[in-house]
Amino acid sequence: MHVLQVCYRVPYPPHDGGAIGVYEIIRGVSEAGHHVTVLAVNTPKHHQPPTALDHLGPRVRMLTVDVNTRLSPWKALRNLLGLGPTYSFNALPYNVERFISPAFEARLAGLLKSEHFDVVHFDSTFVAWYAGFVQRGRQAGRLPGGPPLVLRAHNVEYVIWARLAARERLQAAGLSNVGRFSWARSAEVLWQ
């Protein structure tokens, strides 16, 4: 089996819950004799070299795409007002929008066109948007049909965000769609 693991950051070093969970999935799947290709957003906060998972052996290959996910009050306000590049008013939470990148889309599309995967595993709400990107590409004939798209939601993210927003009035106005976005993509096979 060949798994494409799509991550919102490089899951190394495994120092927190999210990184530990993803790292252990990758390690366990490879130790079971399967191949794992990790496509990770390489964030400024958790930046790692593409060789960070080499110690897991030859069944694990990691590809990274540098994406600037730094918080920006200007971009957050633009998102809140519906002035984002593609999205209507509050269509996508800013916490998710920060991880969307044309370069990452291109790398993901290239992998799906050039390699065979048995499953595409999206890790967390932050990269769940890319499952929709893949599905839209399949429907339009730009991407091949293929393996099931699966999401692993670490937490019920919108509950965490709601708690944060209770303390931050600026974020509270755009919170209503966060719950719908999270629940619509949690703990299930998204599309086949």
N, C-alpha and C. Protein backbone atom coordinates (compact mmCIF):
# COMPACT_ATOMS: atom_id res chain seq x y z
N MET A 1 0.85 -1.17 0.00
CA MET A 1 0.00 0.00 0.00
C MET A 1 0.90 1.23 0.00
N HIS A 2 0.43 2.29 -0.68
CA HIS A 2 1.16 3.56 -0.72
C HIS A 2 0.20 4.65 -0.24
N VAL A 3 0.58 5.32 0.83
CA VAL A 3 -0.24 6.36 1.45
C VAL A 3 0.38 7.72 1.14
N LEU A 4 -0.45 8.67 0.71
CA LEU A 4 -0.02 10.06 0.62
C LEU A 4 -0.55 10.75 1.87
N GLN A 5 0.35 11.20 2.72
CA GLN A 5 0.01 11.86 3.98
C GLN A 5 0.19 13.36 3.77
N VAL A 6 -0.89 14.13 3.81
CA VAL A 6 -0.86 15.57 3.60
C VAL A 6 -0.92 16.24 4.97
N CYS A 7 0.14 17.00 5.30
CA CYS A 7 0.29 17.56 6.66
C CYS A 7 0.35 19.08 6.64
N TYR A 8 -0.20 19.68 7.68
CA TYR A 8 -0.17 21.14 7.80
C TYR A 8 1.16 21.65 8.32
N ARG A 9 2.05 20.75 8.72
CA ARG A 9 3.42 21.09 9.08
C ARG A 9 4.23 19.81 9.11
N VAL A 10 5.53 19.95 9.10
CA VAL A 10 6.40 18.79 9.19
C VAL A 10 6.21 18.18 10.58
N PRO A 11 5.87 16.89 10.66
CA PRO A 11 5.58 16.29 11.97
C PRO A 11 6.84 15.85 12.72
N TYR A 12 7.84 16.70 12.70
CA TYR A 12 9.09 16.39 13.39
C TYR A 12 9.73 17.69 13.86
N PRO A 13 10.27 17.74 15.04
CA PRO A 13 10.31 16.68 16.04
C PRO A 13 8.93 16.48 16.68
N PRO A 14 8.66 15.27 17.14
CA PRO A 14 7.34 14.98 17.74
C PRO A 14 7.26 15.46 19.19
N HIS A 15 7.08 16.79 19.35
CA HIS A 15 7.07 17.39 20.68
C HIS A 15 5.69 17.76 21.20
N ASP A 16 4.68 17.77 20.34
CA ASP A 16 3.33 18.13 20.80
C ASP A 16 2.34 17.11 20.25
N GLY A 17 1.10 17.20 20.70
CA GLY A 17 0.11 16.19 20.37
C GLY A 17 -0.08 15.96 18.88
N GLY A 18 -0.22 17.04 18.12
CA GLY A 18 -0.43 16.90 16.69
C GLY A 18 0.75 16.24 16.00
N ALA A 19 1.95 16.72 16.28
CA ALA A 19 3.15 16.15 15.66
C ALA A 19 3.36 14.71 16.09
N ILE A 20 3.13 14.42 17.36
CA ILE A 20 3.29 13.04 17.85
C ILE A 20 2.33 12.10 17.13
N GLY A 21 1.07 12.51 17.02
CA GLY A 21 0.07 11.66 16.37
C GLY A 21 0.42 11.35 14.93
N VAL A 22 0.78 12.37 14.17
CA VAL A 22 1.10 12.18 12.75
C VAL A 22 2.39 11.37 12.60
N TYR A 23 3.39 11.72 13.39
CA TYR A 23 4.67 11.00 13.34
C TYR A 23 4.45 9.51 13.59
N GLU A 24 3.65 9.20 14.60
CA GLU A 24 3.42 7.79 14.94
C GLU A 24 2.61 7.06 13.87
N ILE A 25 1.69 7.75 13.21
CA ILE A 25 0.97 7.14 12.09
C ILE A 25 1.95 6.80 10.97
N ILE A 26 2.79 7.76 10.62
CA ILE A 26 3.77 7.54 9.56
C ILE A 26 4.71 6.39 9.92
N ARG A 27 5.23 6.43 11.14
CA ARG A 27 6.15 5.38 11.59
C ARG A 27 5.46 4.01 11.59
N GLY A 28 4.25 3.96 12.14
CA GLY A 28 3.53 2.69 12.22
C GLY A 28 3.17 2.11 10.87
N VAL A 29 2.71 2.96 9.96
CA VAL A 29 2.35 2.48 8.62
C VAL A 29 3.59 1.96 7.89
N SER A 30 4.71 2.69 8.02
CA SER A 30 5.93 2.23 7.34
C SER A 30 6.47 0.95 7.98
N GLU A 31 6.40 0.85 9.30
CA GLU A 31 6.87 -0.37 9.97
C GLU A 31 6.00 -1.58 9.63
N ALA A 32 4.75 -1.33 9.23
CA ALA A 32 3.86 -2.42 8.81
C ALA A 32 4.16 -2.86 7.37
N GLY A 33 5.16 -2.21 6.75
CA GLY A 33 5.58 -2.62 5.41
C GLY A 33 5.02 -1.79 4.28
N HIS A 34 4.35 -0.69 4.59
CA HIS A 34 3.75 0.15 3.56
C HIS A 34 4.62 1.37 3.29
N HIS A 35 4.39 1.99 2.15
CA HIS A 35 5.13 3.19 1.78
C HIS A 35 4.30 4.42 2.12
N VAL A 36 4.98 5.46 2.60
CA VAL A 36 4.31 6.70 2.96
C VAL A 36 5.06 7.85 2.29
N THR A 37 4.33 8.62 1.50
CA THR A 37 4.86 9.88 0.98
C THR A 37 4.21 10.98 1.79
N VAL A 38 5.02 11.78 2.46
CA VAL A 38 4.53 12.88 3.28
C VAL A 38 4.69 14.16 2.48
N LEU A 39 3.58 14.86 2.26
CA LEU A 39 3.61 16.19 1.65
C LEU A 39 3.23 17.16 2.75
N ALA A 40 4.19 17.98 3.17
CA ALA A 40 3.97 18.85 4.32
C ALA A 40 4.15 20.31 3.98
N VAL A 41 3.26 21.13 4.54
CA VAL A 41 3.45 22.57 4.54
C VAL A 41 4.63 22.82 5.47
N ASN A 42 5.65 23.52 4.98
CA ASN A 42 6.81 23.83 5.82
C ASN A 42 6.64 25.26 6.31
N THR A 43 6.21 25.40 7.54
CA THR A 43 5.86 26.70 8.10
C THR A 43 7.09 27.38 8.69
N PRO A 44 7.07 28.72 8.77
CA PRO A 44 8.19 29.42 9.41
C PRO A 44 8.37 29.00 10.88
N LYS A 45 7.28 28.75 11.57
CA LYS A 45 7.35 28.41 12.99
C LYS A 45 7.94 27.03 13.24
N HIS A 46 7.67 26.07 12.35
CA HIS A 46 8.12 24.69 12.54
C HIS A 46 8.99 24.22 11.37
N HIS A 47 9.76 25.10 10.79
CA HIS A 47 10.52 24.79 9.58
C HIS A 47 11.52 23.66 9.83
N GLN A 48 11.53 22.69 8.91
CA GLN A 48 12.45 21.55 8.99
C GLN A 48 13.01 21.26 7.60
N PRO A 49 14.18 20.64 7.54
CA PRO A 49 14.71 20.24 6.24
C PRO A 49 13.90 19.06 5.69
N PRO A 50 13.89 18.89 4.38
CA PRO A 50 13.14 17.77 3.79
C PRO A 50 13.66 16.39 4.23
N THR A 51 14.83 16.36 4.85
CA THR A 51 15.42 15.09 5.32
C THR A 51 15.02 14.75 6.75
N ALA A 52 14.13 15.52 7.35
CA ALA A 52 13.82 15.36 8.78
C ALA A 52 13.26 13.98 9.13
N LEU A 53 12.65 13.30 8.19
CA LEU A 53 12.08 11.97 8.47
C LEU A 53 12.91 10.83 7.88
N ASP A 54 14.08 11.12 7.37
CA ASP A 54 14.91 10.08 6.75
C ASP A 54 15.23 8.93 7.70
N HIS A 55 15.30 9.22 8.99
CA HIS A 55 15.62 8.17 9.96
C HIS A 55 14.54 7.09 10.05
N LEU A 56 13.36 7.34 9.48
CA LEU A 56 12.29 6.34 9.50
C LEU A 56 12.49 5.26 8.44
N GLY A 57 13.46 5.43 7.58
CA GLY A 57 13.79 4.39 6.62
C GLY A 57 13.32 4.67 5.21
N PRO A 58 13.62 3.73 4.31
CA PRO A 58 13.38 3.96 2.88
C PRO A 58 11.91 3.94 2.46
N ARG A 59 11.02 3.49 3.32
CA ARG A 59 9.60 3.48 2.95
C ARG A 59 8.93 4.84 3.17
N VAL A 60 9.65 5.77 3.80
CA VAL A 60 9.10 7.10 4.08
C VAL A 60 9.85 8.13 3.25
N ARG A 61 9.09 8.91 2.49
CA ARG A 61 9.66 9.99 1.69
C ARG A 61 8.92 11.26 2.07
N MET A 62 9.65 12.33 2.34
CA MET A 62 8.99 13.58 2.69
C MET A 62 9.30 14.65 1.65
N LEU A 63 8.24 15.34 1.24
CA LEU A 63 8.33 16.48 0.35
C LEU A 63 7.74 17.67 1.09
N THR A 64 8.37 18.82 0.98
CA THR A 64 7.87 19.99 1.69
C THR A 64 7.66 21.14 0.72
N VAL A 65 6.75 22.02 1.10
CA VAL A 65 6.52 23.26 0.37
C VAL A 65 6.51 24.38 1.40
N ASP A 66 7.40 25.35 1.23
CA ASP A 66 7.44 26.49 2.14
C ASP A 66 6.20 27.35 1.94
N VAL A 67 5.48 27.60 3.03
CA VAL A 67 4.28 28.44 3.00
C VAL A 67 4.37 29.39 4.19
N ASN A 68 4.17 30.67 3.93
CA ASN A 68 4.19 31.66 5.01
C ASN A 68 2.83 31.63 5.72
N THR A 69 2.80 31.02 6.88
CA THR A 69 1.57 30.91 7.67
C THR A 69 1.54 31.88 8.84
N ARG A 70 2.47 32.83 8.85
CA ARG A 70 2.51 33.79 9.97
C ARG A 70 1.19 34.55 10.06
N LEU A 71 0.78 34.80 11.28
CA LEU A 71 -0.45 35.57 11.50
C LEU A 71 -0.25 37.00 11.01
N SER A 72 -1.25 37.51 10.34
CA SER A 72 -1.22 38.86 9.83
C SER A 72 -2.55 39.53 10.15
N PRO A 73 -2.53 40.58 10.97
CA PRO A 73 -3.79 41.27 11.26
C PRO A 73 -4.48 41.78 9.98
N TRP A 74 -3.70 42.25 9.02
CA TRP A 74 -4.27 42.75 7.78
C TRP A 74 -4.98 41.64 7.00
N LYS A 75 -4.33 40.47 6.88
CA LYS A 75 -4.96 39.35 6.17
C LYS A 75 -6.17 38.82 6.93
N ALA A 76 -6.10 38.83 8.25
CA ALA A 76 -7.25 38.38 9.05
C ALA A 76 -8.44 39.31 8.83
N LEU A 77 -8.19 40.61 8.82
CA LEU A 77 -9.26 41.58 8.58
C LEU A 77 -9.82 41.43 7.17
N ARG A 78 -8.93 41.26 6.20
CA ARG A 78 -9.36 41.06 4.81
C ARG A 78 -10.27 39.83 4.71
N ASN A 79 -9.90 38.75 5.41
CA ASN A 79 -10.72 37.54 5.43
C ASN A 79 -12.07 37.81 6.07
N LEU A 80 -12.06 38.49 7.19
CA LEU A 80 -13.28 38.78 7.93
C LEU A 80 -14.25 39.61 7.09
N LEU A 81 -13.71 40.52 6.28
CA LEU A 81 -14.54 41.38 5.45
C LEU A 81 -14.89 40.76 4.10
N GLY A 82 -14.42 39.54 3.87
CA GLY A 82 -14.72 38.87 2.61
C GLY A 82 -13.94 39.41 1.43
N LEU A 83 -12.76 39.96 1.69
CA LEU A 83 -11.95 40.53 0.63
C LEU A 83 -10.79 39.62 0.24
N GLY A 84 -10.87 38.36 0.64
CA GLY A 84 -9.81 37.39 0.33
C GLY A 84 -9.74 37.12 -1.15
N PRO A 85 -8.73 36.40 -1.58
CA PRO A 85 -8.50 36.19 -3.01
C PRO A 85 -9.62 35.43 -3.72
N THR A 86 -10.27 34.50 -3.06
CA THR A 86 -11.25 33.65 -3.74
C THR A 86 -12.55 33.51 -2.98
N TYR A 87 -12.59 33.93 -1.75
CA TYR A 87 -13.66 33.51 -0.87
C TYR A 87 -14.65 34.63 -0.60
N SER A 88 -15.92 34.24 -0.44
CA SER A 88 -16.94 35.19 -0.07
C SER A 88 -16.91 35.41 1.44
N PHE A 89 -17.73 36.29 1.92
CA PHE A 89 -17.75 36.68 3.32
C PHE A 89 -17.75 35.46 4.24
N ASN A 90 -16.71 35.34 5.04
CA ASN A 90 -16.57 34.29 6.06
C ASN A 90 -16.70 32.87 5.51
N ALA A 91 -16.42 32.66 4.24
CA ALA A 91 -16.56 31.32 3.68
C ALA A 91 -15.52 30.36 4.24
N LEU A 92 -14.38 30.85 4.61
CA LEU A 92 -13.31 30.01 5.10
C LEU A 92 -12.63 30.71 6.27
N PRO A 93 -12.47 30.04 7.39
CA PRO A 93 -11.83 30.67 8.54
C PRO A 93 -10.39 31.08 8.21
N TYR A 94 -9.97 32.20 8.74
CA TYR A 94 -8.61 32.68 8.52
C TYR A 94 -7.59 31.65 9.00
N ASN A 95 -7.88 30.96 10.10
CA ASN A 95 -6.96 29.95 10.62
C ASN A 95 -6.71 28.83 9.60
N VAL A 96 -7.63 28.61 8.69
CA VAL A 96 -7.46 27.61 7.63
C VAL A 96 -6.86 28.27 6.39
N GLU A 97 -7.34 29.46 6.06
CA GLU A 97 -6.88 30.16 4.86
C GLU A 97 -5.36 30.36 4.85
N ARG A 98 -4.75 30.53 6.02
CA ARG A 98 -3.30 30.75 6.11
C ARG A 98 -2.50 29.60 5.49
N PHE A 99 -3.09 28.40 5.43
CA PHE A 99 -2.36 27.22 4.96
C PHE A 99 -2.60 26.94 3.47
N ILE A 100 -3.41 27.76 2.81
CA ILE A 100 -3.70 27.56 1.39
C ILE A 100 -2.62 28.25 0.56
N SER A 101 -2.05 27.50 -0.36
CA SER A 101 -0.94 28.00 -1.16
C SER A 101 -1.01 27.44 -2.57
N PRO A 102 -0.91 28.31 -3.59
CA PRO A 102 -0.88 27.81 -4.97
C PRO A 102 0.29 26.84 -5.21
N ALA A 103 1.43 27.09 -4.58
CA ALA A 103 2.59 26.19 -4.74
C ALA A 103 2.29 24.81 -4.15
N PHE A 104 1.59 24.79 -3.01
CA PHE A 104 1.24 23.51 -2.40
C PHE A 104 0.20 22.78 -3.25
N GLU A 105 -0.78 23.52 -3.77
CA GLU A 105 -1.77 22.93 -4.69
C GLU A 105 -1.07 22.27 -5.87
N ALA A 106 -0.11 22.99 -6.46
CA ALA A 106 0.59 22.47 -7.63
C ALA A 106 1.38 21.21 -7.29
N ARG A 107 2.02 21.20 -6.13
CA ARG A 107 2.80 20.01 -5.74
C ARG A 107 1.87 18.82 -5.50
N LEU A 108 0.74 19.06 -4.84
CA LEU A 108 -0.23 18.00 -4.58
C LEU A 108 -0.80 17.46 -5.90
N ALA A 109 -1.19 18.36 -6.79
CA ALA A 109 -1.73 17.94 -8.09
C ALA A 109 -0.69 17.15 -8.87
N GLY A 110 0.55 17.60 -8.85
CA GLY A 110 1.61 16.90 -9.56
C GLY A 110 1.81 15.48 -9.05
N LEU A 111 1.77 15.31 -7.73
CA LEU A 111 1.90 13.97 -7.15
C LEU A 111 0.75 13.07 -7.57
N LEU A 112 -0.47 13.61 -7.52
CA LEU A 112 -1.64 12.79 -7.86
C LEU A 112 -1.66 12.40 -9.33
N LYS A 113 -1.08 13.25 -10.18
CA LYS A 113 -1.02 12.94 -11.61
C LYS A 113 0.09 11.95 -11.95
N SER A 114 1.17 11.97 -11.19
CA SER A 114 2.35 11.20 -11.58
C SER A 114 2.56 9.91 -10.79
N GLU A 115 1.88 9.75 -9.66
CA GLU A 115 2.12 8.57 -8.83
C GLU A 115 0.80 7.90 -8.46
N HIS A 116 0.90 6.64 -8.09
CA HIS A 116 -0.28 5.89 -7.64
C HIS A 116 -0.29 5.85 -6.11
N PHE A 117 -1.42 6.23 -5.52
CA PHE A 117 -1.61 6.14 -4.07
C PHE A 117 -2.87 5.33 -3.80
N ASP A 118 -2.84 4.57 -2.72
CA ASP A 118 -4.00 3.78 -2.33
C ASP A 118 -4.95 4.55 -1.43
N VAL A 119 -4.44 5.57 -0.77
CA VAL A 119 -5.26 6.44 0.07
C VAL A 119 -4.54 7.78 0.20
N VAL A 120 -5.32 8.86 0.26
CA VAL A 120 -4.77 10.19 0.54
C VAL A 120 -5.31 10.60 1.89
N HIS A 121 -4.40 10.80 2.83
CA HIS A 121 -4.76 11.06 4.22
C HIS A 121 -4.44 12.51 4.55
N PHE A 122 -5.47 13.31 4.79
CA PHE A 122 -5.31 14.72 5.15
C PHE A 122 -5.28 14.83 6.66
N ASP A 123 -4.26 15.49 7.17
CA ASP A 123 -4.06 15.54 8.60
C ASP A 123 -4.49 16.90 9.15
N SER A 124 -5.66 16.99 9.67
CA SER A 124 -6.21 18.14 10.40
C SER A 124 -7.06 19.05 9.52
N THR A 125 -7.82 19.84 10.21
CA THR A 125 -8.71 20.81 9.57
C THR A 125 -7.92 21.80 8.72
N PHE A 126 -6.66 22.07 9.10
CA PHE A 126 -5.87 23.07 8.39
C PHE A 126 -5.58 22.69 6.94
N VAL A 127 -5.57 21.40 6.63
CA VAL A 127 -5.35 20.98 5.24
C VAL A 127 -6.59 20.30 4.63
N ALA A 128 -7.70 20.31 5.34
CA ALA A 128 -8.94 19.71 4.82
C ALA A 128 -9.38 20.40 3.53
N TRP A 129 -9.07 21.69 3.39
CA TRP A 129 -9.43 22.42 2.18
C TRP A 129 -8.86 21.74 0.94
N TYR A 130 -7.68 21.16 1.05
CA TYR A 130 -7.05 20.52 -0.10
C TYR A 130 -7.82 19.28 -0.56
N ALA A 131 -8.58 18.65 0.32
CA ALA A 131 -9.43 17.54 -0.11
C ALA A 131 -10.49 18.06 -1.09
N GLY A 132 -11.05 19.22 -0.79
CA GLY A 132 -11.99 19.84 -1.71
C GLY A 132 -11.32 20.23 -3.02
N PHE A 133 -10.10 20.71 -2.94
CA PHE A 133 -9.32 21.04 -4.14
C PHE A 133 -9.16 19.80 -5.02
N VAL A 134 -8.83 18.67 -4.40
CA VAL A 134 -8.67 17.42 -5.15
C VAL A 134 -10.00 17.00 -5.76
N GLN A 135 -11.07 17.06 -4.99
CA GLN A 135 -12.39 16.65 -5.50
C GLN A 135 -12.83 17.54 -6.66
N ARG A 136 -12.64 18.85 -6.52
CA ARG A 136 -13.00 19.76 -7.62
C ARG A 136 -12.16 19.46 -8.86
N GLY A 137 -10.89 19.16 -8.66
CA GLY A 137 -10.01 18.80 -9.78
C GLY A 137 -10.45 17.52 -10.47
N ARG A 138 -10.89 16.56 -9.67
CA ARG A 138 -11.39 15.30 -10.24
C ARG A 138 -12.66 15.54 -11.05
N GLN A 139 -13.58 16.32 -10.50
CA GLN A 139 -14.85 16.58 -11.18
C GLN A 139 -14.64 17.34 -12.49
N ALA A 140 -13.64 18.22 -12.51
CA ALA A 140 -13.38 19.02 -13.71
C ALA A 140 -12.46 18.29 -14.70
N GLY A 141 -11.99 17.10 -14.33
CA GLY A 141 -11.12 16.34 -15.21
C GLY A 141 -9.67 16.78 -15.19
N ARG A 142 -9.30 17.68 -14.28
CA ARG A 142 -7.91 18.14 -14.17
C ARG A 142 -7.06 17.17 -13.37
N LEU A 143 -7.69 16.39 -12.49
CA LEU A 143 -6.98 15.41 -11.67
C LEU A 143 -7.61 14.05 -11.89
N PRO A 144 -6.80 13.01 -11.86
CA PRO A 144 -7.36 11.67 -12.06
C PRO A 144 -8.21 11.24 -10.88
N GLY A 145 -9.23 10.44 -11.16
CA GLY A 145 -9.98 9.82 -10.08
C GLY A 145 -9.03 8.89 -9.36
N GLY A 146 -9.43 8.44 -8.22
CA GLY A 146 -8.48 7.57 -7.56
C GLY A 146 -8.84 7.22 -6.15
N PRO A 147 -7.85 7.25 -5.29
CA PRO A 147 -8.02 6.71 -3.95
C PRO A 147 -8.97 7.54 -3.11
N PRO A 148 -9.49 6.93 -2.05
CA PRO A 148 -10.33 7.70 -1.13
C PRO A 148 -9.53 8.80 -0.45
N LEU A 149 -10.22 9.88 -0.13
CA LEU A 149 -9.65 11.01 0.59
C LEU A 149 -10.16 10.93 2.02
N VAL A 150 -9.24 10.87 2.97
CA VAL A 150 -9.60 10.66 4.37
C VAL A 150 -9.04 11.80 5.21
N LEU A 151 -9.81 12.24 6.20
CA LEU A 151 -9.37 13.30 7.12
C LEU A 151 -9.23 12.75 8.52
N ARG A 152 -8.15 13.10 9.17
CA ARG A 152 -7.99 12.84 10.60
C ARG A 152 -8.05 14.20 11.28
N ALA A 153 -9.13 14.43 12.01
CA ALA A 153 -9.29 15.67 12.76
C ALA A 153 -8.74 15.45 14.16
N HIS A 154 -7.72 16.19 14.53
CA HIS A 154 -7.07 16.01 15.82
C HIS A 154 -8.01 16.34 16.96
N ASN A 155 -8.68 17.44 16.85
CA ASN A 155 -9.57 17.94 17.89
C ASN A 155 -10.84 18.41 17.20
N VAL A 156 -11.80 18.77 17.99
CA VAL A 156 -12.93 19.50 17.44
C VAL A 156 -12.45 20.95 17.43
N GLU A 157 -11.77 21.32 16.33
CA GLU A 157 -11.04 22.58 16.26
C GLU A 157 -11.91 23.79 16.58
N TYR A 158 -13.16 23.77 16.13
CA TYR A 158 -13.96 24.96 16.33
C TYR A 158 -14.23 25.23 17.81
N VAL A 159 -14.21 24.20 18.66
CA VAL A 159 -14.39 24.41 20.10
C VAL A 159 -13.18 25.17 20.65
N ILE A 160 -12.00 24.76 20.22
CA ILE A 160 -10.78 25.45 20.65
C ILE A 160 -10.82 26.89 20.15
N TRP A 161 -11.18 27.08 18.87
CA TRP A 161 -11.22 28.43 18.31
C TRP A 161 -12.29 29.28 18.99
N ALA A 162 -13.41 28.67 19.36
CA ALA A 162 -14.47 29.42 20.05
C ALA A 162 -13.96 29.94 21.39
N ARG A 163 -13.21 29.12 22.09
CA ARG A 163 -12.65 29.56 23.37
C ARG A 163 -11.68 30.72 23.17
N LEU A 164 -10.86 30.62 22.14
CA LEU A 164 -9.93 31.72 21.85
C LEU A 164 -10.70 32.98 21.45
N ALA A 165 -11.73 32.80 20.63
CA ALA A 165 -12.49 33.95 20.14
C ALA A 165 -13.25 34.64 21.27
N ALA A 166 -13.62 33.90 22.29
CA ALA A 166 -14.30 34.52 23.42
C ALA A 166 -13.41 35.57 24.06
N ARG A 167 -12.11 35.38 23.94
CA ARG A 167 -11.15 36.34 24.48
C ARG A 167 -10.74 37.40 23.46
N GLU A 168 -11.00 37.14 22.20
CA GLU A 168 -10.57 38.06 21.15
C GLU A 168 -11.78 38.52 20.35
N ARG A 169 -12.29 39.69 20.63
CA ARG A 169 -13.51 40.17 19.98
C ARG A 169 -13.39 40.22 18.45
N LEU A 170 -12.25 40.54 17.94
CA LEU A 170 -12.09 40.66 16.49
C LEU A 170 -12.37 39.33 15.80
N GLN A 171 -11.96 38.22 16.38
CA GLN A 171 -12.18 36.91 15.77
C GLN A 171 -13.62 36.44 15.94
N ALA A 172 -14.30 36.88 16.98
CA ALA A 172 -15.62 36.36 17.30
C ALA A 172 -16.64 36.58 16.18
N ALA A 173 -16.53 37.67 15.46
CA ALA A 173 -17.50 37.97 14.42
C ALA A 173 -17.50 36.94 13.30
N GLY A 174 -16.37 36.33 13.01
CA GLY A 174 -16.29 35.38 11.91
C GLY A 174 -16.34 33.93 12.32
N LEU A 175 -16.77 33.64 13.52
CA LEU A 175 -16.67 32.28 14.03
C LEU A 175 -17.79 31.35 13.59
N SER A 176 -18.91 31.87 13.14
CA SER A 176 -20.05 31.00 12.87
C SER A 176 -19.74 29.92 11.83
N ASN A 177 -18.96 30.24 10.82
CA ASN A 177 -18.66 29.25 9.79
C ASN A 177 -17.55 28.29 10.17
N VAL A 178 -16.79 28.60 11.20
CA VAL A 178 -15.71 27.71 11.61
C VAL A 178 -16.27 26.36 12.01
N GLY A 179 -17.33 26.35 12.79
CA GLY A 179 -17.93 25.08 13.22
C GLY A 179 -18.45 24.28 12.05
N ARG A 180 -19.14 24.94 11.12
CA ARG A 180 -19.65 24.22 9.96
C ARG A 180 -18.51 23.65 9.13
N PHE A 181 -17.43 24.43 8.95
CA PHE A 181 -16.29 23.95 8.17
C PHE A 181 -15.66 22.74 8.85
N SER A 182 -15.46 22.82 10.15
CA SER A 182 -14.83 21.71 10.89
C SER A 182 -15.69 20.46 10.86
N TRP A 183 -16.94 20.60 11.21
CA TRP A 183 -17.81 19.42 11.30
C TRP A 183 -18.01 18.76 9.95
N ALA A 184 -18.06 19.55 8.90
CA ALA A 184 -18.31 18.99 7.56
C ALA A 184 -17.16 18.12 7.09
N ARG A 185 -16.01 18.23 7.73
CA ARG A 185 -14.83 17.52 7.24
C ARG A 185 -14.16 16.67 8.32
N SER A 186 -14.88 16.29 9.35
CA SER A 186 -14.26 15.60 10.48
C SER A 186 -14.50 14.10 10.46
N ALA A 187 -13.43 13.35 10.75
CA ALA A 187 -13.47 11.93 11.12
C ALA A 187 -14.28 11.05 10.19
N GLU A 188 -14.12 11.23 8.88
CA GLU A 188 -14.84 10.39 7.94
C GLU A 188 -14.09 10.37 6.63
N VAL A 189 -14.46 9.45 5.77
CA VAL A 189 -13.96 9.50 4.40
C VAL A 189 -14.69 10.66 3.74
N LEU A 190 -13.93 11.63 3.23
CA LEU A 190 -14.56 12.83 2.69
C LEU A 190 -15.24 12.56 1.36
N TRP A 191 -14.46 12.15 0.39
CA TRP A 191 -15.00 11.91 -0.94
C TRP A 191 -14.30 10.71 -1.52
N GLN A 192 -14.99 10.01 -2.38
CA GLN A 192 -14.34 8.89 -3.08
C GLN A 192 -14.49 9.08 -4.57
